[in-house]
All heavy atoms as atom14 arrays in JSON, in Angstrom:
{
  "sequence": "PDPERALWQGLAQLAVGLTHQRRGNARGAASVTRRGAAAIERYAA",
  "atom14_mask": [
    [1, 1, 1, 1, 1, 1, 1, 0, 0, 0, 0, 0, 0, 0],
    [1, 1, 1, 1, 1, 1, 1, 1, 0, 0, 0, 0, 0, 0],
    [1, 1, 1, 1, 1, 1, 1, 0, 0, 0, 0, 0, 0, 0],
    [1, 1, 1, 1, 1, 1, 1, 1, 1, 0, 0, 0, 0, 0],
    [1, 1, 1, 1, 1, 1, 1, 1, 1, 1, 1, 0, 0, 0],
    [1, 1, 1, 1, 1, 0, 0, 0, 0, 0, 0, 0, 0, 0],
    [1, 1, 1, 1, 1, 1, 1, 1, 0, 0, 0, 0, 0, 0],
    [1, 1, 1, 1, 1, 1, 1, 1, 1, 1, 1, 1, 1, 1],
    [1, 1, 1, 1, 1, 1, 1, 1, 1, 0, 0, 0, 0, 0],
    [1, 1, 1, 1, 0, 0, 0, 0, 0, 0, 0, 0, 0, 0],
    [1, 1, 1, 1, 1, 1, 1, 1, 0, 0, 0, 0, 0, 0],
    [1, 1, 1, 1, 1, 0, 0, 0, 0, 0, 0, 0, 0, 0],
    [1, 1, 1, 1, 1, 1, 1, 1, 1, 0, 0, 0, 0, 0],
    [1, 1, 1, 1, 1, 1, 1, 1, 0, 0, 0, 0, 0, 0],
    [1, 1, 1, 1, 1, 0, 0, 0, 0, 0, 0, 0, 0, 0],
    [1, 1, 1, 1, 1, 1, 1, 0, 0, 0, 0, 0, 0, 0],
    [1, 1, 1, 1, 0, 0, 0, 0, 0, 0, 0, 0, 0, 0],
    [1, 1, 1, 1, 1, 1, 1, 1, 0, 0, 0, 0, 0, 0],
    [1, 1, 1, 1, 1, 1, 1, 0, 0, 0, 0, 0, 0, 0],
    [1, 1, 1, 1, 1, 1, 1, 1, 1, 1, 0, 0, 0, 0],
    [1, 1, 1, 1, 1, 1, 1, 1, 1, 0, 0, 0, 0, 0],
    [1, 1, 1, 1, 1, 1, 1, 1, 1, 1, 1, 0, 0, 0],
    [1, 1, 1, 1, 1, 1, 1, 1, 1, 1, 1, 0, 0, 0],
    [1, 1, 1, 1, 0, 0, 0, 0, 0, 0, 0, 0, 0, 0],
    [1, 1, 1, 1, 1, 1, 1, 1, 0, 0, 0, 0, 0, 0],
    [1, 1, 1, 1, 1, 0, 0, 0, 0, 0, 0, 0, 0, 0],
    [1, 1, 1, 1, 1, 1, 1, 1, 1, 1, 1, 0, 0, 0],
    [1, 1, 1, 1, 0, 0, 0, 0, 0, 0, 0, 0, 0, 0],
    [1, 1, 1, 1, 1, 0, 0, 0, 0, 0, 0, 0, 0, 0],
    [1, 1, 1, 1, 1, 0, 0, 0, 0, 0, 0, 0, 0, 0],
    [1, 1, 1, 1, 1, 1, 0, 0, 0, 0, 0, 0, 0, 0],
    [1, 1, 1, 1, 1, 1, 1, 0, 0, 0, 0, 0, 0, 0],
    [1, 1, 1, 1, 1, 1, 1, 0, 0, 0, 0, 0, 0, 0],
    [1, 1, 1, 1, 1, 1, 1, 1, 1, 1, 1, 0, 0, 0],
    [1, 1, 1, 1, 1, 1, 1, 1, 1, 1, 1, 0, 0, 0],
    [1, 1, 1, 1, 0, 0, 0, 0, 0, 0, 0, 0, 0, 0],
    [1, 1, 1, 1, 1, 0, 0, 0, 0, 0, 0, 0, 0, 0],
    [1, 1, 1, 1, 1, 0, 0, 0, 0, 0, 0, 0, 0, 0],
    [1, 1, 1, 1, 1, 0, 0, 0, 0, 0, 0, 0, 0, 0],
    [1, 1, 1, 1, 1, 1, 1, 1, 0, 0, 0, 0, 0, 0],
    [1, 1, 1, 1, 1, 1, 1, 1, 1, 0, 0, 0, 0, 0],
    [1, 1, 1, 1, 1, 1, 1, 1, 1, 1, 1, 0, 0, 0],
    [1, 1, 1, 1, 1, 1, 1, 1, 1, 1, 1, 1, 0, 0],
    [1, 1, 1, 1, 1, 0, 0, 0, 0, 0, 0, 0, 0, 0],
    [1, 1, 1, 1, 1, 0, 0, 0, 0, 0, 0, 0, 0, 0]
  ],
  "atom14_positions": [
    [[-95.9, 59.03, 23.0], [-96.43, 59.88, 21.96], [-96.7, 61.28, 22.54], [-96.96, 61.42, 23.74], [-97.72, 59.2, 21.53], [-98.1, 58.32, 22.68], [-96.83, 57.96, 23.38], [0.0, 0.0, 0.0], [0.0, 0.0, 0.0], [0.0, 0.0, 0.0], [0.0, 0.0, 0.0], [0.0, 0.0, 0.0], [0.0, 0.0, 0.0], [0.0, 0.0, 0.0]],
    [[-96.68, 62.29, 21.71], [-96.83, 63.69, 22.14], [-97.99, 63.93, 23.12], [-97.78, 64.63, 24.11], [-96.96, 64.64, 20.95], [-95.58, 64.99, 20.39], [-94.57, 64.81, 21.12], [-95.51, 65.43, 19.25], [0.0, 0.0, 0.0], [0.0, 0.0, 0.0], [0.0, 0.0, 0.0], [0.0, 0.0, 0.0], [0.0, 0.0, 0.0], [0.0, 0.0, 0.0]],
    [[-99.19, 63.39, 22.88], [-100.27, 63.71, 23.81], [-100.02, 63.27, 25.26], [-100.63, 63.78, 26.19], [-101.49, 62.96, 23.23], [-101.14, 62.71, 21.81], [-99.65, 62.58, 21.77], [0.0, 0.0, 0.0], [0.0, 0.0, 0.0], [0.0, 0.0, 0.0], [0.0, 0.0, 0.0], [0.0, 0.0, 0.0], [0.0, 0.0, 0.0], [0.0, 0.0, 0.0]],
    [[-99.12, 62.31, 25.46], [-98.87, 61.8, 26.81], [-97.52, 62.15, 27.38], [-97.21, 61.78, 28.5], [-99.05, 60.27, 26.84], [-100.47, 59.84, 26.78], [-100.66, 58.39, 27.16], [-99.66, 57.67, 27.44], [-101.81, 57.95, 27.17], [0.0, 0.0, 0.0], [0.0, 0.0, 0.0], [0.0, 0.0, 0.0], [0.0, 0.0, 0.0], [0.0, 0.0, 0.0]],
    [[-96.71, 62.85, 26.64], [-95.35, 63.13, 27.12], [-95.36, 63.92, 28.43], [-94.6, 63.62, 29.35], [-94.56, 63.89, 26.06], [-94.24, 63.01, 24.89], [-93.24, 63.66, 24.0], [-92.02, 62.89, 24.31], [-90.87, 63.17, 23.8], [-90.7, 64.19, 23.02], [-89.81, 62.42, 24.09], [0.0, 0.0, 0.0], [0.0, 0.0, 0.0], [0.0, 0.0, 0.0]],
    [[-96.19, 64.93, 28.55], [-96.24, 65.74, 29.76], [-96.68, 64.9, 30.98], [-96.22, 65.1, 32.08], [-97.16, 66.95, 29.6], [0.0, 0.0, 0.0], [0.0, 0.0, 0.0], [0.0, 0.0, 0.0], [0.0, 0.0, 0.0], [0.0, 0.0, 0.0], [0.0, 0.0, 0.0], [0.0, 0.0, 0.0], [0.0, 0.0, 0.0], [0.0, 0.0, 0.0]],
    [[-97.57, 63.92, 30.73], [-98.01, 63.04, 31.8], [-96.82, 62.25, 32.36], [-96.59, 62.27, 33.57], [-99.09, 62.08, 31.28], [-99.49, 60.95, 32.24], [-100.28, 61.51, 33.41], [-100.29, 59.9, 31.5], [0.0, 0.0, 0.0], [0.0, 0.0, 0.0], [0.0, 0.0, 0.0], [0.0, 0.0, 0.0], [0.0, 0.0, 0.0], [0.0, 0.0, 0.0]],
    [[-96.1, 61.61, 31.51], [-94.95, 60.78, 31.96], [-93.84, 61.64, 32.53], [-93.2, 61.28, 33.5], [-94.45, 59.89, 30.81], [-95.47, 58.86, 30.46], [-96.32, 58.87, 29.39], [-95.79, 57.68, 31.18], [-97.15, 57.77, 29.42], [-96.83, 57.02, 30.52], [-95.28, 57.12, 32.37], [-97.37, 55.81, 30.97], [-95.81, 55.91, 32.81], [-96.85, 55.27, 32.11]],
    [[-93.64, 62.81, 31.94], [-92.64, 63.72, 32.47], [-93.01, 64.13, 33.9], [-92.19, 64.15, 34.8], [-92.47, 64.94, 31.57], [-91.44, 65.92, 32.09], [-91.31, 67.16, 31.22], [-92.19, 67.49, 30.46], [-90.19, 67.84, 31.36], [0.0, 0.0, 0.0], [0.0, 0.0, 0.0], [0.0, 0.0, 0.0], [0.0, 0.0, 0.0], [0.0, 0.0, 0.0]],
    [[-94.28, 64.49, 34.07], [-94.75, 64.89, 35.39], [-94.62, 63.78, 36.4], [-94.23, 64.01, 37.56], [0.0, 0.0, 0.0], [0.0, 0.0, 0.0], [0.0, 0.0, 0.0], [0.0, 0.0, 0.0], [0.0, 0.0, 0.0], [0.0, 0.0, 0.0], [0.0, 0.0, 0.0], [0.0, 0.0, 0.0], [0.0, 0.0, 0.0], [0.0, 0.0, 0.0]],
    [[-94.96, 62.56, 36.01], [-94.82, 61.43, 36.93], [-93.38, 61.23, 37.32], [-93.05, 60.96, 38.51], [-95.39, 60.16, 36.29], [-96.9, 60.1, 36.06], [-97.26, 58.87, 35.25], [-97.65, 60.15, 37.38], [0.0, 0.0, 0.0], [0.0, 0.0, 0.0], [0.0, 0.0, 0.0], [0.0, 0.0, 0.0], [0.0, 0.0, 0.0], [0.0, 0.0, 0.0]],
    [[-92.48, 61.34, 36.35], [-91.03, 61.23, 36.63], [-90.6, 62.32, 37.61], [-89.84, 62.07, 38.55], [-90.23, 61.28, 35.35], [0.0, 0.0, 0.0], [0.0, 0.0, 0.0], [0.0, 0.0, 0.0], [0.0, 0.0, 0.0], [0.0, 0.0, 0.0], [0.0, 0.0, 0.0], [0.0, 0.0, 0.0], [0.0, 0.0, 0.0], [0.0, 0.0, 0.0]],
    [[-91.13, 63.53, 37.42], [-90.79, 64.63, 38.31], [-91.29, 64.39, 39.73], [-90.62, 64.75, 40.7], [-91.32, 65.96, 37.76], [-90.55, 66.43, 36.54], [-91.17, 67.63, 35.88], [-92.4, 67.69, 35.77], [-90.34, 68.54, 35.4], [0.0, 0.0, 0.0], [0.0, 0.0, 0.0], [0.0, 0.0, 0.0], [0.0, 0.0, 0.0], [0.0, 0.0, 0.0]],
    [[-92.46, 63.78, 39.87], [-92.96, 63.47, 41.19], [-92.03, 62.5, 41.9], [-91.77, 62.64, 43.1], [-94.37, 62.9, 41.13], [-95.48, 63.85, 40.66], [-96.82, 63.14, 40.64], [-95.55, 65.12, 41.5], [0.0, 0.0, 0.0], [0.0, 0.0, 0.0], [0.0, 0.0, 0.0], [0.0, 0.0, 0.0], [0.0, 0.0, 0.0], [0.0, 0.0, 0.0]],
    [[-91.51, 61.53, 41.14], [-90.58, 60.56, 41.75], [-89.26, 61.25, 42.13], [-88.67, 60.95, 43.19], [-90.31, 59.41, 40.78], [0.0, 0.0, 0.0], [0.0, 0.0, 0.0], [0.0, 0.0, 0.0], [0.0, 0.0, 0.0], [0.0, 0.0, 0.0], [0.0, 0.0, 0.0], [0.0, 0.0, 0.0], [0.0, 0.0, 0.0], [0.0, 0.0, 0.0]],
    [[-88.82, 62.21, 41.34], [-87.62, 62.98, 41.67], [-87.89, 63.84, 42.92], [-87.03, 63.92, 43.82], [-87.16, 63.88, 40.49], [-86.09, 64.86, 40.93], [-86.66, 63.02, 39.35], [0.0, 0.0, 0.0], [0.0, 0.0, 0.0], [0.0, 0.0, 0.0], [0.0, 0.0, 0.0], [0.0, 0.0, 0.0], [0.0, 0.0, 0.0], [0.0, 0.0, 0.0]],
    [[-89.07, 64.42, 43.01], [-89.45, 65.18, 44.19], [-89.38, 64.34, 45.45], [-88.84, 64.76, 46.48], [0.0, 0.0, 0.0], [0.0, 0.0, 0.0], [0.0, 0.0, 0.0], [0.0, 0.0, 0.0], [0.0, 0.0, 0.0], [0.0, 0.0, 0.0], [0.0, 0.0, 0.0], [0.0, 0.0, 0.0], [0.0, 0.0, 0.0], [0.0, 0.0, 0.0]],
    [[-89.89, 63.13, 45.35], [-89.83, 62.2, 46.49], [-88.38, 61.84, 46.8], [-88.0, 61.74, 47.99], [-90.68, 60.96, 46.24], [-90.85, 60.01, 47.39], [-91.51, 60.69, 48.58], [-91.65, 58.79, 46.97], [0.0, 0.0, 0.0], [0.0, 0.0, 0.0], [0.0, 0.0, 0.0], [0.0, 0.0, 0.0], [0.0, 0.0, 0.0], [0.0, 0.0, 0.0]],
    [[-87.59, 61.66, 45.77], [-86.15, 61.37, 45.99], [-85.5, 62.51, 46.77], [-84.79, 62.26, 47.77], [-85.43, 61.18, 44.63], [-86.03, 60.08, 43.95], [-83.96, 60.92, 44.81], [0.0, 0.0, 0.0], [0.0, 0.0, 0.0], [0.0, 0.0, 0.0], [0.0, 0.0, 0.0], [0.0, 0.0, 0.0], [0.0, 0.0, 0.0], [0.0, 0.0, 0.0]],
    [[-85.73, 63.74, 46.32], [-85.17, 64.9, 47.05], [-85.67, 64.92, 48.49], [-84.9, 65.19, 49.43], [-85.56, 66.21, 46.35], [-84.77, 66.51, 45.11], [-83.41, 66.48, 45.07], [-85.2, 66.83, 43.86], [-82.99, 66.79, 43.83], [-84.07, 67.01, 43.1], [0.0, 0.0, 0.0], [0.0, 0.0, 0.0], [0.0, 0.0, 0.0], [0.0, 0.0, 0.0]],
    [[-86.97, 64.7, 48.67], [-87.55, 64.72, 50.02], [-86.88, 63.69, 50.92], [-86.52, 63.99, 52.05], [-89.05, 64.52, 49.94], [-89.8, 64.81, 51.21], [-90.12, 63.59, 52.03], [-89.86, 62.5, 51.67], [-90.68, 63.84, 53.2], [0.0, 0.0, 0.0], [0.0, 0.0, 0.0], [0.0, 0.0, 0.0], [0.0, 0.0, 0.0], [0.0, 0.0, 0.0]],
    [[-86.74, 62.48, 50.41], [-86.14, 61.4, 51.19], [-84.67, 61.68, 51.52], [-84.15, 61.19, 52.49], [-86.26, 60.07, 50.48], [-87.71, 59.58, 50.28], [-88.44, 59.39, 51.61], [-89.58, 58.49, 51.5], [-90.81, 58.83, 51.76], [-91.13, 60.05, 52.08], [-91.77, 57.93, 51.68], [0.0, 0.0, 0.0], [0.0, 0.0, 0.0], [0.0, 0.0, 0.0]],
    [[-84.01, 62.47, 50.68], [-82.59, 62.81, 50.87], [-82.42, 64.09, 51.7], [-81.28, 64.56, 51.85], [-81.87, 62.91, 49.55], [-81.79, 61.59, 48.82], [-81.09, 61.72, 47.5], [-80.98, 60.44, 46.82], [-80.6, 60.29, 45.57], [-80.25, 61.34, 44.84], [-80.52, 59.09, 45.04], [0.0, 0.0, 0.0], [0.0, 0.0, 0.0], [0.0, 0.0, 0.0]],
    [[-83.52, 64.69, 52.13], [-83.43, 65.88, 52.97], [-83.32, 67.2, 52.23], [-83.02, 68.23, 52.83], [0.0, 0.0, 0.0], [0.0, 0.0, 0.0], [0.0, 0.0, 0.0], [0.0, 0.0, 0.0], [0.0, 0.0, 0.0], [0.0, 0.0, 0.0], [0.0, 0.0, 0.0], [0.0, 0.0, 0.0], [0.0, 0.0, 0.0], [0.0, 0.0, 0.0]],
    [[-83.53, 67.18, 50.91], [-83.48, 68.41, 50.12], [-84.88, 69.0, 50.01], [-85.56, 68.76, 49.02], [-82.85, 68.11, 48.75], [-82.81, 69.34, 47.84], [-83.27, 70.42, 48.2], [-82.29, 69.13, 46.65], [0.0, 0.0, 0.0], [0.0, 0.0, 0.0], [0.0, 0.0, 0.0], [0.0, 0.0, 0.0], [0.0, 0.0, 0.0], [0.0, 0.0, 0.0]],
    [[-85.3, 69.72, 51.02], [-86.67, 70.24, 51.09], [-86.99, 71.18, 49.94], [-88.03, 71.09, 49.31], [-86.93, 70.93, 52.42], [0.0, 0.0, 0.0], [0.0, 0.0, 0.0], [0.0, 0.0, 0.0], [0.0, 0.0, 0.0], [0.0, 0.0, 0.0], [0.0, 0.0, 0.0], [0.0, 0.0, 0.0], [0.0, 0.0, 0.0], [0.0, 0.0, 0.0]],
    [[-86.07, 72.09, 49.65], [-86.3, 73.06, 48.57], [-86.47, 72.35, 47.21], [-87.39, 72.64, 46.45], [-85.16, 74.07, 48.5], [-85.29, 75.02, 47.34], [-84.09, 75.94, 47.26], [-84.52, 77.25, 47.68], [-83.73, 78.19, 48.12], [-82.45, 77.97, 48.25], [-84.2, 79.38, 48.41], [0.0, 0.0, 0.0], [0.0, 0.0, 0.0], [0.0, 0.0, 0.0]],
    [[-85.58, 71.44, 46.9], [-85.67, 70.67, 45.65], [-86.94, 69.85, 45.58], [-87.58, 69.76, 44.55], [0.0, 0.0, 0.0], [0.0, 0.0, 0.0], [0.0, 0.0, 0.0], [0.0, 0.0, 0.0], [0.0, 0.0, 0.0], [0.0, 0.0, 0.0], [0.0, 0.0, 0.0], [0.0, 0.0, 0.0], [0.0, 0.0, 0.0], [0.0, 0.0, 0.0]],
    [[-87.3, 69.25, 46.72], [-88.5, 68.42, 46.76], [-89.73, 69.25, 46.43], [-90.57, 68.86, 45.62], [-88.64, 67.76, 48.15], [0.0, 0.0, 0.0], [0.0, 0.0, 0.0], [0.0, 0.0, 0.0], [0.0, 0.0, 0.0], [0.0, 0.0, 0.0], [0.0, 0.0, 0.0], [0.0, 0.0, 0.0], [0.0, 0.0, 0.0], [0.0, 0.0, 0.0]],
    [[-89.86, 70.41, 47.06], [-91.03, 71.26, 46.84], [-91.08, 71.74, 45.4], [-92.13, 71.67, 44.75], [-91.0, 72.45, 47.81], [0.0, 0.0, 0.0], [0.0, 0.0, 0.0], [0.0, 0.0, 0.0], [0.0, 0.0, 0.0], [0.0, 0.0, 0.0], [0.0, 0.0, 0.0], [0.0, 0.0, 0.0], [0.0, 0.0, 0.0], [0.0, 0.0, 0.0]],
    [[-89.97, 72.19, 44.89], [-89.92, 72.77, 43.53], [-90.28, 71.74, 42.47], [-91.15, 71.98, 41.64], [-88.51, 73.33, 43.31], [-88.34, 73.69, 41.96], [0.0, 0.0, 0.0], [0.0, 0.0, 0.0], [0.0, 0.0, 0.0], [0.0, 0.0, 0.0], [0.0, 0.0, 0.0], [0.0, 0.0, 0.0], [0.0, 0.0, 0.0], [0.0, 0.0, 0.0]],
    [[-89.61, 70.61, 42.48], [-89.82, 69.64, 41.39], [-91.17, 68.95, 41.55], [-91.81, 68.59, 40.55], [-88.63, 68.66, 41.28], [-88.64, 67.63, 42.37], [-88.61, 67.99, 39.92], [0.0, 0.0, 0.0], [0.0, 0.0, 0.0], [0.0, 0.0, 0.0], [0.0, 0.0, 0.0], [0.0, 0.0, 0.0], [0.0, 0.0, 0.0], [0.0, 0.0, 0.0]],
    [[-91.64, 68.82, 42.77], [-92.96, 68.21, 42.99], [-94.06, 69.12, 42.46], [-95.01, 68.65, 41.83], [-93.18, 67.9, 44.49], [-92.13, 66.99, 44.91], [-94.52, 67.29, 44.74], [0.0, 0.0, 0.0], [0.0, 0.0, 0.0], [0.0, 0.0, 0.0], [0.0, 0.0, 0.0], [0.0, 0.0, 0.0], [0.0, 0.0, 0.0], [0.0, 0.0, 0.0]],
    [[-93.91, 70.43, 42.68], [-94.91, 71.37, 42.13], [-94.93, 71.3, 40.6], [-95.99, 71.32, 39.98], [-94.58, 72.78, 42.58], [-95.04, 73.07, 43.98], [-94.9, 74.57, 44.33], [-95.08, 74.75, 45.75], [-94.1, 74.96, 46.63], [-92.86, 75.07, 46.22], [-94.38, 75.1, 47.91], [0.0, 0.0, 0.0], [0.0, 0.0, 0.0], [0.0, 0.0, 0.0]],
    [[-93.74, 71.24, 39.98], [-93.68, 71.16, 38.51], [-94.32, 69.85, 38.0], [-95.04, 69.87, 37.01], [-92.2, 71.22, 38.02], [-91.66, 72.62, 38.01], [-90.4, 72.74, 37.12], [-89.42, 71.7, 37.3], [-88.41, 71.72, 38.17], [-88.26, 72.76, 38.99], [-87.56, 70.74, 38.23], [0.0, 0.0, 0.0], [0.0, 0.0, 0.0], [0.0, 0.0, 0.0]],
    [[-94.06, 68.77, 38.68], [-94.65, 67.49, 38.29], [-96.15, 67.52, 38.38], [-96.87, 67.05, 37.48], [0.0, 0.0, 0.0], [0.0, 0.0, 0.0], [0.0, 0.0, 0.0], [0.0, 0.0, 0.0], [0.0, 0.0, 0.0], [0.0, 0.0, 0.0], [0.0, 0.0, 0.0], [0.0, 0.0, 0.0], [0.0, 0.0, 0.0], [0.0, 0.0, 0.0]],
    [[-96.66, 68.08, 39.48], [-98.12, 68.17, 39.66], [-98.76, 69.03, 38.59], [-99.81, 68.71, 38.04], [-98.45, 68.7, 41.06], [0.0, 0.0, 0.0], [0.0, 0.0, 0.0], [0.0, 0.0, 0.0], [0.0, 0.0, 0.0], [0.0, 0.0, 0.0], [0.0, 0.0, 0.0], [0.0, 0.0, 0.0], [0.0, 0.0, 0.0], [0.0, 0.0, 0.0]],
    [[-98.1, 70.16, 38.26], [-98.62, 71.04, 37.24], [-98.67, 70.33, 35.87], [-99.59, 70.51, 35.08], [-97.8, 72.3, 37.13], [0.0, 0.0, 0.0], [0.0, 0.0, 0.0], [0.0, 0.0, 0.0], [0.0, 0.0, 0.0], [0.0, 0.0, 0.0], [0.0, 0.0, 0.0], [0.0, 0.0, 0.0], [0.0, 0.0, 0.0], [0.0, 0.0, 0.0]],
    [[-97.68, 69.47, 35.61], [-97.62, 68.77, 34.33], [-98.73, 67.73, 34.21], [-99.29, 67.53, 33.13], [-96.26, 68.1, 34.17], [0.0, 0.0, 0.0], [0.0, 0.0, 0.0], [0.0, 0.0, 0.0], [0.0, 0.0, 0.0], [0.0, 0.0, 0.0], [0.0, 0.0, 0.0], [0.0, 0.0, 0.0], [0.0, 0.0, 0.0], [0.0, 0.0, 0.0]],
    [[-99.06, 67.03, 35.31], [-100.05, 65.96, 35.2], [-101.49, 66.44, 35.42], [-102.42, 65.73, 35.03], [-99.75, 64.78, 36.15], [-99.95, 65.15, 37.61], [-98.36, 64.23, 35.88], [-99.91, 63.99, 38.57], [0.0, 0.0, 0.0], [0.0, 0.0, 0.0], [0.0, 0.0, 0.0], [0.0, 0.0, 0.0], [0.0, 0.0, 0.0], [0.0, 0.0, 0.0]],
    [[-101.66, 67.6, 36.05], [-103.0, 68.08, 36.44], [-103.99, 68.07, 35.26], [-105.17, 67.77, 35.42], [-102.89, 69.47, 37.03], [-104.05, 69.84, 37.89], [-103.72, 71.04, 38.77], [-102.81, 71.82, 38.45], [-104.4, 71.18, 39.79], [0.0, 0.0, 0.0], [0.0, 0.0, 0.0], [0.0, 0.0, 0.0], [0.0, 0.0, 0.0], [0.0, 0.0, 0.0]],
    [[-103.54, 68.44, 34.1], [-104.43, 68.5, 32.93], [-105.03, 67.15, 32.53], [-105.94, 67.08, 31.74], [-103.73, 69.15, 31.74], [-102.66, 68.23, 31.12], [-101.84, 68.91, 30.08], [-100.74, 69.56, 30.78], [-99.64, 69.97, 30.18], [-99.5, 69.83, 28.91], [-98.69, 70.53, 30.87], [0.0, 0.0, 0.0], [0.0, 0.0, 0.0], [0.0, 0.0, 0.0]],
    [[-104.45, 66.06, 33.06], [-104.91, 64.73, 32.71], [-105.94, 64.2, 33.73], [-106.38, 63.06, 33.61], [-103.74, 63.75, 32.64], [-102.75, 64.07, 31.56], [-101.64, 64.87, 31.84], [-102.91, 63.61, 30.26], [-100.71, 65.19, 30.84], [-102.0, 63.92, 29.27], [-100.88, 64.7, 29.57], [-99.98, 65.02, 28.58], [0.0, 0.0, 0.0], [0.0, 0.0, 0.0]],
    [[-106.3, 65.0, 34.72], [-107.17, 64.53, 35.81], [-108.51, 63.99, 35.31], [-108.98, 62.96, 35.8], [-107.38, 65.64, 36.83], [0.0, 0.0, 0.0], [0.0, 0.0, 0.0], [0.0, 0.0, 0.0], [0.0, 0.0, 0.0], [0.0, 0.0, 0.0], [0.0, 0.0, 0.0], [0.0, 0.0, 0.0], [0.0, 0.0, 0.0], [0.0, 0.0, 0.0]],
    [[-109.12, 64.64, 34.36], [-110.44, 64.22, 33.9], [-110.36, 62.91, 33.09], [-111.3, 62.14, 33.05], [-111.09, 65.31, 33.04], [0.0, 0.0, 0.0], [0.0, 0.0, 0.0], [0.0, 0.0, 0.0], [0.0, 0.0, 0.0], [0.0, 0.0, 0.0], [0.0, 0.0, 0.0], [0.0, 0.0, 0.0], [0.0, 0.0, 0.0], [0.0, 0.0, 0.0]]
  ]
}
């Protein structure tokens, strides 16, 4: 549902960031991981 879409998108992006990191793509890992963190941060509380 709309209120949680950014949460799940961000979690998926964190997994992609880890995928990039494990495959040696440092630039991709940093970029997508930052986007994922920004997406989920609003759900911290």
